[in-house]
Each structure stands twice: as C-alpha cells, then as structure tokens.
Amino acid sequence: MQIDFEEVKRQLLQSDEEFRQLATRHHDLDERLHHYAERAYLTDPEHIEEVTLKKEKLHLKDQMESILRRRAGDVEPAPAAHH
C-alpha cells in the first residue's frame, strides 16, 4: 500500500495554516532565487543573499516534509492498484 503524498499535500494546503504559510514562503524564496539564477554575475552581497535564501528555503522544505510525514502517518494508505 502506498500513501499519495501529493493528495496529503493538497489537503494540508487547504486545512493547515502553518503548512500553507511555509509553502507560500518557500514559493516566494524560489522566485527570488530564480531571479539570481538568471543573472550571469552576482556581487558579493548578492551571492551572500543567494546562499542565505537557499538555506532558508531548505529549512522550510524540511519543516514542510516533517508536517507532511506526520500527517501521512495519520492517513490510511490508499489501496494498491491491481493491474
């Protein structure tokens, strides 16, 4: 049996304010990092900010994964599809 993590994530986005805030912040950081990735050259302060943003984004992802795993443990696994 397998848990549908995408479905659990969708449910969390609708029902869990903390998860939704983490996901929103993660998305915002992703957009800011994309801006840096498009640039051919970063100044030293920009590079430091990029590294800081990457660390924060990773921390947010870890928090989201923790909530997702905890919630998935509360969900009955979906029946395996038989082919």
N, C-alpha and C. Protein backbone atom coordinates (compact mmCIF):
# COMPACT_ATOMS: atom_id res chain seq x y z
N MET A 1 0.84 -1.18 0.00
CA MET A 1 0.00 0.00 0.00
C MET A 1 0.88 1.24 0.00
N GLN A 2 0.38 2.26 -0.67
CA GLN A 2 1.17 3.47 -0.84
C GLN A 2 0.35 4.70 -0.48
N ILE A 3 0.99 5.65 0.16
CA ILE A 3 0.33 6.90 0.52
C ILE A 3 0.51 7.89 -0.62
N ASP A 4 -0.54 8.58 -0.98
CA ASP A 4 -0.49 9.60 -2.03
C ASP A 4 -0.06 10.92 -1.38
N PHE A 5 1.25 11.18 -1.39
CA PHE A 5 1.77 12.37 -0.72
C PHE A 5 1.28 13.66 -1.37
N GLU A 6 1.04 13.63 -2.68
CA GLU A 6 0.52 14.83 -3.35
C GLU A 6 -0.88 15.17 -2.84
N GLU A 7 -1.68 14.14 -2.61
CA GLU A 7 -3.03 14.37 -2.08
C GLU A 7 -2.95 14.90 -0.65
N VAL A 8 -2.06 14.33 0.15
CA VAL A 8 -1.89 14.81 1.53
C VAL A 8 -1.43 16.26 1.50
N LYS A 9 -0.52 16.59 0.58
CA LYS A 9 -0.03 17.97 0.45
C LYS A 9 -1.18 18.91 0.08
N ARG A 10 -2.02 18.49 -0.86
CA ARG A 10 -3.19 19.32 -1.25
C ARG A 10 -4.10 19.55 -0.05
N GLN A 11 -4.34 18.51 0.72
CA GLN A 11 -5.19 18.64 1.90
C GLN A 11 -4.57 19.59 2.93
N LEU A 12 -3.27 19.47 3.12
CA LEU A 12 -2.58 20.35 4.06
C LEU A 12 -2.64 21.81 3.61
N LEU A 13 -2.49 22.05 2.32
CA LEU A 13 -2.56 23.42 1.81
C LEU A 13 -3.93 24.04 2.07
N GLN A 14 -4.95 23.20 2.09
CA GLN A 14 -6.31 23.69 2.33
C GLN A 14 -6.63 23.81 3.81
N SER A 15 -6.07 22.92 4.63
CA SER A 15 -6.55 22.83 6.01
C SER A 15 -5.54 23.24 7.08
N ASP A 16 -4.28 23.35 6.75
CA ASP A 16 -3.25 23.61 7.76
C ASP A 16 -2.58 24.96 7.50
N GLU A 17 -2.89 25.93 8.35
CA GLU A 17 -2.38 27.30 8.16
C GLU A 17 -0.86 27.35 8.21
N GLU A 18 -0.25 26.61 9.13
CA GLU A 18 1.21 26.61 9.24
C GLU A 18 1.84 26.08 7.95
N PHE A 19 1.32 24.96 7.45
CA PHE A 19 1.85 24.37 6.22
C PHE A 19 1.67 25.34 5.05
N ARG A 20 0.52 25.98 4.98
CA ARG A 20 0.24 26.94 3.89
C ARG A 20 1.23 28.11 3.95
N GLN A 21 1.50 28.62 5.15
CA GLN A 21 2.45 29.73 5.29
C GLN A 21 3.86 29.30 4.89
N LEU A 22 4.25 28.10 5.30
CA LEU A 22 5.57 27.59 4.92
C LEU A 22 5.66 27.43 3.40
N ALA A 23 4.61 26.89 2.79
CA ALA A 23 4.61 26.69 1.33
C ALA A 23 4.66 28.02 0.59
N THR A 24 3.95 29.01 1.09
CA THR A 24 3.95 30.33 0.46
C THR A 24 5.33 30.96 0.54
N ARG A 25 5.94 30.89 1.71
CA ARG A 25 7.29 31.45 1.88
C ARG A 25 8.29 30.70 1.00
N HIS A 26 8.17 29.38 0.94
CA HIS A 26 9.05 28.55 0.11
C HIS A 26 8.93 28.97 -1.36
N HIS A 27 7.71 29.18 -1.82
CA HIS A 27 7.47 29.62 -3.20
C HIS A 27 8.08 31.00 -3.45
N ASP A 28 7.91 31.91 -2.50
CA ASP A 28 8.48 33.26 -2.64
C ASP A 28 10.01 33.20 -2.75
N LEU A 29 10.62 32.38 -1.92
CA LEU A 29 12.08 32.25 -1.97
C LEU A 29 12.52 31.63 -3.29
N ASP A 30 11.75 30.67 -3.77
CA ASP A 30 12.06 30.04 -5.05
C ASP A 30 12.07 31.07 -6.18
N GLU A 31 11.10 31.96 -6.17
CA GLU A 31 11.05 33.01 -7.19
C GLU A 31 12.23 33.96 -7.08
N ARG A 32 12.60 34.33 -5.87
CA ARG A 32 13.75 35.22 -5.68
C ARG A 32 15.04 34.54 -6.13
N LEU A 33 15.18 33.26 -5.82
CA LEU A 33 16.37 32.53 -6.23
C LEU A 33 16.43 32.37 -7.74
N HIS A 34 15.29 32.22 -8.37
CA HIS A 34 15.24 32.12 -9.83
C HIS A 34 15.79 33.41 -10.45
N HIS A 35 15.47 34.54 -9.84
CA HIS A 35 15.98 35.84 -10.31
C HIS A 35 17.52 35.84 -10.28
N TYR A 36 18.11 35.32 -9.21
CA TYR A 36 19.57 35.27 -9.13
C TYR A 36 20.14 34.28 -10.14
N ALA A 37 19.47 33.17 -10.33
CA ALA A 37 19.97 32.14 -11.25
C ALA A 37 20.03 32.63 -12.69
N GLU A 38 19.18 33.58 -13.03
CA GLU A 38 19.16 34.11 -14.40
C GLU A 38 20.30 35.09 -14.66
N ARG A 39 20.94 35.56 -13.62
CA ARG A 39 21.99 36.56 -13.77
C ARG A 39 23.33 35.90 -14.06
N ALA A 40 24.10 36.53 -14.91
CA ALA A 40 25.41 35.99 -15.27
C ALA A 40 26.43 36.23 -14.16
N TYR A 41 26.22 37.28 -13.38
CA TYR A 41 27.19 37.63 -12.35
C TYR A 41 26.46 38.16 -11.13
N LEU A 42 26.93 37.74 -9.96
CA LEU A 42 26.38 38.26 -8.70
C LEU A 42 27.47 39.00 -7.95
N THR A 43 27.11 40.13 -7.38
CA THR A 43 28.05 40.82 -6.50
C THR A 43 28.22 39.99 -5.23
N ASP A 44 29.21 40.31 -4.43
CA ASP A 44 29.41 39.56 -3.18
C ASP A 44 28.18 39.61 -2.28
N PRO A 45 27.58 40.79 -2.06
CA PRO A 45 26.36 40.81 -1.22
C PRO A 45 25.21 39.99 -1.83
N GLU A 46 25.08 40.01 -3.15
CA GLU A 46 24.03 39.22 -3.79
C GLU A 46 24.30 37.73 -3.62
N HIS A 47 25.56 37.34 -3.74
CA HIS A 47 25.91 35.93 -3.57
C HIS A 47 25.61 35.48 -2.13
N ILE A 48 25.95 36.32 -1.17
CA ILE A 48 25.67 36.00 0.24
C ILE A 48 24.16 35.87 0.46
N GLU A 49 23.40 36.78 -0.14
CA GLU A 49 21.94 36.70 0.00
C GLU A 49 21.41 35.43 -0.66
N GLU A 50 21.96 35.07 -1.83
CA GLU A 50 21.53 33.85 -2.52
C GLU A 50 21.76 32.62 -1.63
N VAL A 51 22.93 32.54 -1.03
CA VAL A 51 23.24 31.40 -0.15
C VAL A 51 22.30 31.38 1.05
N THR A 52 22.06 32.55 1.63
CA THR A 52 21.15 32.65 2.77
C THR A 52 19.74 32.22 2.39
N LEU A 53 19.27 32.65 1.22
CA LEU A 53 17.94 32.27 0.76
C LEU A 53 17.85 30.77 0.52
N LYS A 54 18.90 30.18 -0.05
CA LYS A 54 18.90 28.74 -0.28
C LYS A 54 18.81 27.97 1.03
N LYS A 55 19.54 28.44 2.04
CA LYS A 55 19.50 27.77 3.35
C LYS A 55 18.11 27.89 3.97
N GLU A 56 17.52 29.08 3.87
CA GLU A 56 16.17 29.27 4.43
C GLU A 56 15.16 28.40 3.69
N LYS A 57 15.29 28.35 2.36
CA LYS A 57 14.37 27.54 1.56
C LYS A 57 14.48 26.06 1.94
N LEU A 58 15.69 25.58 2.14
CA LEU A 58 15.90 24.19 2.54
C LEU A 58 15.29 23.92 3.92
N HIS A 59 15.47 24.86 4.83
CA HIS A 59 14.88 24.72 6.17
C HIS A 59 13.35 24.66 6.08
N LEU A 60 12.77 25.51 5.25
CA LEU A 60 11.31 25.49 5.07
C LEU A 60 10.86 24.15 4.49
N LYS A 61 11.62 23.65 3.52
CA LYS A 61 11.27 22.36 2.91
C LYS A 61 11.32 21.25 3.96
N ASP A 62 12.33 21.28 4.82
CA ASP A 62 12.43 20.28 5.89
C ASP A 62 11.22 20.36 6.82
N GLN A 63 10.80 21.58 7.17
CA GLN A 63 9.63 21.75 8.04
C GLN A 63 8.37 21.22 7.35
N MET A 64 8.22 21.53 6.07
CA MET A 64 7.05 21.05 5.32
C MET A 64 7.05 19.53 5.23
N GLU A 65 8.22 18.94 4.97
CA GLU A 65 8.33 17.48 4.89
C GLU A 65 7.97 16.83 6.22
N SER A 66 8.39 17.44 7.30
CA SER A 66 8.07 16.91 8.63
C SER A 66 6.57 16.89 8.86
N ILE A 67 5.91 17.99 8.52
CA ILE A 67 4.44 18.06 8.67
C ILE A 67 3.79 17.05 7.74
N LEU A 68 4.28 16.94 6.53
CA LEU A 68 3.72 16.01 5.54
C LEU A 68 3.85 14.57 6.02
N ARG A 69 5.03 14.20 6.52
CA ARG A 69 5.23 12.83 7.02
C ARG A 69 4.33 12.55 8.22
N ARG A 70 4.23 13.54 9.11
CA ARG A 70 3.39 13.37 10.30
C ARG A 70 1.93 13.17 9.89
N ARG A 71 1.46 14.00 8.96
CA ARG A 71 0.07 13.88 8.50
C ARG A 71 -0.14 12.59 7.72
N ALA A 72 0.83 12.21 6.90
CA ALA A 72 0.70 10.98 6.12
C ALA A 72 0.61 9.77 7.04
N GLY A 73 1.25 9.84 8.19
CA GLY A 73 1.16 8.75 9.16
C GLY A 73 -0.22 8.64 9.77
N ASP A 74 -0.99 9.73 9.71
CA ASP A 74 -2.36 9.73 10.23
C ASP A 74 -3.37 9.28 9.19
N VAL A 75 -2.92 9.12 7.94
CA VAL A 75 -3.82 8.81 6.83
C VAL A 75 -3.70 7.33 6.50
N GLU A 76 -4.84 6.73 6.25
CA GLU A 76 -4.84 5.34 5.80
C GLU A 76 -4.22 5.27 4.41
N PRO A 77 -3.30 4.35 4.17
CA PRO A 77 -2.73 4.23 2.82
C PRO A 77 -3.81 3.85 1.81
N ALA A 78 -3.66 4.39 0.61
CA ALA A 78 -4.60 4.06 -0.47
C ALA A 78 -4.37 2.62 -0.88
N PRO A 79 -5.44 1.91 -1.24
CA PRO A 79 -5.26 0.52 -1.69
C PRO A 79 -4.39 0.48 -2.94
N ALA A 80 -3.55 -0.53 -3.02
CA ALA A 80 -2.68 -0.68 -4.18
C ALA A 80 -3.52 -1.02 -5.40
N ALA A 81 -3.17 -0.42 -6.51
CA ALA A 81 -3.89 -0.69 -7.77
C ALA A 81 -3.44 -2.04 -8.31
N HIS A 82 -4.38 -2.82 -8.74
CA HIS A 82 -4.07 -4.13 -9.32
C HIS A 82 -4.18 -4.02 -10.82
N HIS A 83 -3.15 -4.49 -11.52
CA HIS A 83 -3.16 -4.42 -12.99
C HIS A 83 -3.39 -5.78 -13.57
